[in-house]
C-alpha cells in the first residue's frame, strides 16, 4: 500500500516505548504493532487523534503517501476479521 506509517520515527523522537504509547493511547501493544508495521487496513480517527495527542504531532507526521509503492510490495497477514488496528469491532453495514 502506498501509505507508510511513521509511528516508529515519532516514538524515537519522543524517546517513548511502544508499550508506553499503547498504554497512554488506550490500545494493546499488539494492535499498536499492527498499525506501526503497516499491516492495518484501517485506523479510527479517534485512535489517530489519541496518537497525535500523546505524541504531540499532526496526522501527517504519522502517515505519508509514497508514489510507486505497490499493494503487493507490502501485502501481509490481515488483522483479525472485523477489527481495526485499534482492536475495536468495525460497525456492521
C-alpha atoms as a PDB file:
ATOM      1  CA  UNK A   1       0.000   0.000   0.000  1.00  0.00           C
ATOM      2  CA  UNK A   2       1.371   3.420  -0.804  1.00  0.00           C
ATOM      3  CA  UNK A   3       0.626   4.693   2.743  1.00  0.00           C
ATOM      4  CA  UNK A   4       3.639   4.494   5.064  1.00  0.00           C
ATOM      5  CA  UNK A   5       3.235   4.664   8.842  1.00  0.00           C
ATOM      6  CA  UNK A   6       5.976   6.556  10.695  1.00  0.00           C
ATOM      7  CA  UNK A   7       4.967   5.880  14.292  1.00  0.00           C
ATOM      8  CA  UNK A   8       8.418   4.427  14.989  1.00  0.00           C
ATOM      9  CA  UNK A   9      10.020   7.723  13.905  1.00  0.00           C
ATOM     10  CA  UNK A  10       7.855   9.701  16.326  1.00  0.00           C
ATOM     11  CA  UNK A  11       8.496   7.166  19.107  1.00  0.00           C
ATOM     12  CA  UNK A  12      12.244   7.635  18.653  1.00  0.00           C
ATOM     13  CA  UNK A  13      11.902  11.430  18.624  1.00  0.00           C
ATOM     14  CA  UNK A  14       9.857  11.327  21.838  1.00  0.00           C
ATOM     15  CA  UNK A  15      12.083   8.638  23.411  1.00  0.00           C
ATOM     16  CA  UNK A  16       8.967   6.591  24.149  1.00  0.00           C
ATOM     17  CA  UNK A  17       8.456   2.832  24.060  1.00  0.00           C
ATOM     18  CA  UNK A  18       5.711   1.039  22.148  1.00  0.00           C
ATOM     19  CA  UNK A  19       4.320  -0.215  25.450  1.00  0.00           C
ATOM     20  CA  UNK A  20       4.154   3.267  26.949  1.00  0.00           C
ATOM     21  CA  UNK A  21       2.480   4.686  23.832  1.00  0.00           C
ATOM     22  CA  UNK A  22      -0.066   1.853  23.735  1.00  0.00           C
ATOM     23  CA  UNK A  23      -0.932   2.372  27.394  1.00  0.00           C
ATOM     24  CA  UNK A  24      -1.292   6.142  27.041  1.00  0.00           C
ATOM     25  CA  UNK A  25      -3.403   5.815  23.861  1.00  0.00           C
ATOM     26  CA  UNK A  26      -5.543   3.005  25.303  1.00  0.00           C
ATOM     27  CA  UNK A  27      -4.837   0.200  22.823  1.00  0.00           C
ATOM     28  CA  UNK A  28      -2.953  -3.060  23.184  1.00  0.00           C
ATOM     29  CA  UNK A  29       0.728  -3.195  22.253  1.00  0.00           C
ATOM     30  CA  UNK A  30      -0.159  -5.912  19.712  1.00  0.00           C
ATOM     31  CA  UNK A  31      -2.689  -3.671  17.966  1.00  0.00           C
ATOM     32  CA  UNK A  32      -0.246  -0.763  18.009  1.00  0.00           C
ATOM     33  CA  UNK A  33       2.344  -3.059  16.394  1.00  0.00           C
ATOM     34  CA  UNK A  34      -0.145  -3.934  13.618  1.00  0.00           C
ATOM     35  CA  UNK A  35      -0.592  -0.243  12.916  1.00  0.00           C
ATOM     36  CA  UNK A  36       3.105   0.630  13.342  1.00  0.00           C
ATOM     37  CA  UNK A  37       4.252  -2.114  10.977  1.00  0.00           C
ATOM     38  CA  UNK A  38       1.855  -1.092   8.220  1.00  0.00           C
ATOM     39  CA  UNK A  39      -0.370  -4.187   8.445  1.00  0.00           C
ATOM     40  CA  UNK A  40      -3.553  -2.320   9.420  1.00  0.00           C
ATOM     41  CA  UNK A  41      -6.285  -1.952   6.819  1.00  0.00           C
ATOM     42  CA  UNK A  42      -7.877   0.982   8.663  1.00  0.00           C
ATOM     43  CA  UNK A  43      -7.444   3.250  11.657  1.00  0.00           C
ATOM     44  CA  UNK A  44     -10.209   5.022  13.549  1.00  0.00           C
ATOM     45  CA  UNK A  45      -9.957   8.796  13.674  1.00  0.00           C
ATOM     46  CA  UNK A  46     -10.320   8.614  17.468  1.00  0.00           C
ATOM     47  CA  UNK A  47      -7.218   6.387  17.624  1.00  0.00           C
ATOM     48  CA  UNK A  48      -5.313   8.663  15.239  1.00  0.00           C
ATOM     49  CA  UNK A  49      -6.310  11.681  17.337  1.00  0.00           C
ATOM     50  CA  UNK A  50      -5.144   9.936  20.529  1.00  0.00           C
ATOM     51  CA  UNK A  51      -1.804   9.053  18.909  1.00  0.00           C
ATOM     52  CA  UNK A  52      -1.346  12.667  17.822  1.00  0.00           C
ATOM     53  CA  UNK A  53      -2.244  13.961  21.275  1.00  0.00           C
ATOM     54  CA  UNK A  54       0.167  11.658  23.089  1.00  0.00           C
ATOM     55  CA  UNK A  55       2.984  12.137  20.558  1.00  0.00           C
ATOM     56  CA  UNK A  56       2.265  15.888  20.223  1.00  0.00           C
ATOM     57  CA  UNK A  57       2.219  15.736  16.444  1.00  0.00           C
ATOM     58  CA  UNK A  58      -0.018  16.054  13.391  1.00  0.00           C
ATOM     59  CA  UNK A  59      -1.543  13.113  11.440  1.00  0.00           C
ATOM     60  CA  UNK A  60       0.869  13.888   8.591  1.00  0.00           C
ATOM     61  CA  UNK A  61       3.773  13.193  10.949  1.00  0.00           C
ATOM     62  CA  UNK A  62       2.468   9.626  11.347  1.00  0.00           C
ATOM     63  CA  UNK A  63       1.128   8.816   7.868  1.00  0.00           C
ATOM     64  CA  UNK A  64       2.538   9.597   4.437  1.00  0.00           C
ATOM     65  CA  UNK A  65       1.823   8.607   0.866  1.00  0.00           C
ATOM     66  CA  UNK A  66       4.652   7.178  -1.255  1.00  0.00           C
ATOM     67  CA  UNK A  67       4.262   7.167  -5.016  1.00  0.00           C
ATOM     68  CA  UNK A  68       5.176   3.943  -6.767  1.00  0.00           C
ATOM     69  CA  UNK A  69       4.689   1.642  -3.790  1.00  0.00           C
ATOM     70  CA  UNK A  70       2.552  -1.293  -4.953  1.00  0.00           C
ATOM     71  CA  UNK A  71      -0.011  -3.002  -2.739  1.00  0.00           C
ATOM     72  CA  UNK A  72       1.721  -6.342  -3.397  1.00  0.00           C
ATOM     73  CA  UNK A  73       5.000  -4.965  -2.024  1.00  0.00           C
ATOM     74  CA  UNK A  74       3.513  -4.547   1.441  1.00  0.00           C
ATOM     75  CA  UNK A  75       0.907  -7.335   1.423  1.00  0.00           C
ATOM     76  CA  UNK A  76       0.942  -9.034   4.824  1.00  0.00           C
ATOM     77  CA  UNK A  77      -1.266 -11.103   7.075  1.00  0.00           C
ATOM     78  CA  UNK A  78      -4.599  -9.340   7.681  1.00  0.00           C
ATOM     79  CA  UNK A  79      -5.710  -8.391  11.182  1.00  0.00           C
ATOM     80  CA  UNK A  80      -8.490 -10.400  12.788  1.00  0.00           C
ATOM     81  CA  UNK A  81     -11.658 -10.228  10.704  1.00  0.00           C
ATOM     82  CA  UNK A  82     -13.954  -7.398  11.679  1.00  0.00           C
ATOM     83  CA  UNK A  83     -11.418  -5.483  13.779  1.00  0.00           C
ATOM     84  CA  UNK A  84      -9.328  -2.443  13.049  1.00  0.00           C
ATOM     85  CA  UNK A  85      -5.770  -1.766  14.124  1.00  0.00           C
ATOM     86  CA  UNK A  86      -7.083  -0.392  17.389  1.00  0.00           C
ATOM     87  CA  UNK A  87      -8.860  -3.680  18.193  1.00  0.00           C
ATOM     88  CA  UNK A  88     -12.354  -2.234  18.010  1.00  0.00           C
ATOM     89  CA  UNK A  89     -15.005  -4.098  16.038  1.00  0.00           C
ATOM     90  CA  UNK A  90     -15.976  -2.444  12.807  1.00  0.00           C
ATOM     91  CA  UNK A  91     -19.601  -1.308  12.631  1.00  0.00           C
ATOM     92  CA  UNK A  92     -21.988  -3.590  10.733  1.00  0.00           C
ATOM     93  CA  UNK A  93     -23.279  -2.311   7.409  1.00  0.00           C
END
